[in-house]
């Protein structure tokens, strides 16, 4: 996949997830951003390369940066011996941390 297609896919994924996360319809996002519903459909379908101005209006309507819309999806962990790259699903994150006394008091590196 080319860098252009990767960017289009990332934008499509983030716009759709941000919109759905706010329970906005395409009409609602169009109204808030000033971007036509037809353009938003094309963006969410990764069928267009939106201008910087269009991305600015969409990002502003969500209260995020343009960079957030361009973030790549995390690389899947293909079974290496390292730690998982994402938190496990379910359980609200309490699992092992609660059983072992939690993460409270633990600091990374030189944090105080």
Protein backbone atom coordinates (compact mmCIF):
# COMPACT_ATOMS: atom_id res chain seq x y z
CA UNK A 1 0.00 0.00 0.00
CA UNK A 2 1.36 3.42 -0.91
CA UNK A 3 1.79 6.19 1.62
CA UNK A 4 -1.11 8.07 0.02
CA UNK A 5 -3.43 5.08 0.38
CA UNK A 6 -2.28 4.53 3.96
CA UNK A 7 -3.08 8.17 4.77
CA UNK A 8 -6.52 7.91 3.13
CA UNK A 9 -7.26 4.71 5.07
CA UNK A 10 -6.15 6.28 8.37
CA UNK A 11 -8.25 9.40 7.79
CA UNK A 12 -11.26 7.27 6.82
CA UNK A 13 -10.94 5.09 9.92
CA UNK A 14 -10.46 7.98 12.35
CA UNK A 15 -13.23 10.18 10.95
CA UNK A 16 -15.70 7.31 11.09
CA UNK A 17 -14.65 6.21 14.60
CA UNK A 18 -14.71 9.76 15.97
CA UNK A 19 -18.11 10.43 14.40
CA UNK A 20 -19.62 7.17 15.62
CA UNK A 21 -18.07 7.62 19.06
CA UNK A 22 -19.95 10.89 19.40
CA UNK A 23 -23.09 9.28 17.93
CA UNK A 24 -23.16 11.90 15.19
CA UNK A 25 -24.82 11.23 11.87
CA UNK A 26 -23.09 12.24 8.67
CA UNK A 27 -25.55 15.14 8.50
CA UNK A 28 -24.50 16.27 12.00
CA UNK A 29 -20.80 16.19 11.13
CA UNK A 30 -21.50 18.00 7.86
CA UNK A 31 -23.36 20.72 9.75
CA UNK A 32 -20.64 21.09 12.41
CA UNK A 33 -17.70 21.03 10.00
CA UNK A 34 -19.05 22.79 6.93
CA UNK A 35 -17.94 19.82 4.80
CA UNK A 36 -20.63 18.36 2.56
CA UNK A 37 -22.19 15.03 3.43
CA UNK A 38 -21.13 13.68 0.03
CA UNK A 39 -17.49 14.59 0.70
CA UNK A 40 -17.68 12.98 4.15
CA UNK A 41 -19.03 9.77 2.61
CA UNK A 42 -16.08 9.75 0.19
CA UNK A 43 -13.60 10.46 3.01
CA UNK A 44 -15.00 7.69 5.25
CA UNK A 45 -14.86 5.32 2.28
CA UNK A 46 -11.20 6.25 1.61
CA UNK A 47 -12.22 7.23 -1.93
CA UNK A 48 -10.82 10.76 -1.92
CA UNK A 49 -7.77 12.70 -0.85
CA UNK A 50 -9.21 15.61 1.20
CA UNK A 51 -7.52 19.00 1.18
CA UNK A 52 -5.73 20.36 4.25
CA UNK A 53 -8.56 22.87 4.65
CA UNK A 54 -11.16 20.10 4.69
CA UNK A 55 -9.12 18.12 7.24
CA UNK A 56 -8.78 21.26 9.39
CA UNK A 57 -12.55 21.76 9.45
CA UNK A 58 -13.22 18.11 10.29
CA UNK A 59 -10.53 17.98 12.99
CA UNK A 60 -11.77 21.23 14.52
CA UNK A 61 -15.33 19.93 14.68
CA UNK A 62 -14.07 16.92 16.68
CA UNK A 63 -11.71 19.01 18.81
CA UNK A 64 -8.64 17.06 17.67
CA UNK A 65 -5.53 17.84 15.66
CA UNK A 66 -5.07 16.97 12.00
CA UNK A 67 -2.27 14.69 13.17
CA UNK A 68 -4.83 12.64 15.10
CA UNK A 69 -6.73 11.99 11.86
CA UNK A 70 -3.52 10.78 10.19
CA UNK A 71 -2.31 8.44 12.95
CA UNK A 72 -1.58 4.96 11.65
CA UNK A 73 -3.29 1.96 13.17
CA UNK A 74 -1.15 0.07 15.69
CA UNK A 75 0.86 -2.74 14.17
CA UNK A 76 -0.63 -6.13 15.10
CA UNK A 77 1.47 -8.24 17.44
CA UNK A 78 2.33 -11.34 15.44
CA UNK A 79 3.39 -13.48 18.36
CA UNK A 80 6.83 -12.21 19.32
CA UNK A 81 8.07 -12.72 22.86
CA UNK A 82 7.60 -9.09 23.85
CA UNK A 83 4.88 -7.49 25.91
CA UNK A 84 1.50 -6.91 24.28
CA UNK A 85 1.16 -3.60 22.43
CA UNK A 86 -2.37 -2.90 23.59
CA UNK A 87 -4.34 -3.44 26.78
CA UNK A 88 -6.34 -6.66 26.93
CA UNK A 89 -10.05 -6.34 26.24
CA UNK A 90 -12.70 -6.60 28.90
CA UNK A 91 -12.49 -6.36 32.66
CA UNK A 92 -12.04 -2.59 32.64
CA UNK A 93 -8.30 -2.98 33.16
CA UNK A 94 -8.62 -4.21 36.74
CA UNK A 95 -7.44 -7.82 36.20
CA UNK A 96 -3.87 -8.50 37.21
CA UNK A 97 -3.24 -5.00 38.52
CA UNK A 98 -5.98 -5.31 41.14
CA UNK A 99 -4.88 -8.83 42.07
CA UNK A 100 -1.29 -7.75 42.56
CA UNK A 101 -2.02 -4.57 44.47
CA UNK A 102 -2.40 -2.29 41.45
CA UNK A 103 -0.03 0.01 39.65
CA UNK A 104 -0.12 2.70 42.28
CA UNK A 105 3.29 3.90 43.31
CA UNK A 106 5.11 2.39 40.35
CA UNK A 107 6.98 4.89 38.25
CA UNK A 108 8.74 4.73 34.92
CA UNK A 109 12.32 5.80 34.50
CA UNK A 110 13.10 8.98 36.43
CA UNK A 111 9.51 10.07 37.11
CA UNK A 112 8.82 11.39 40.57
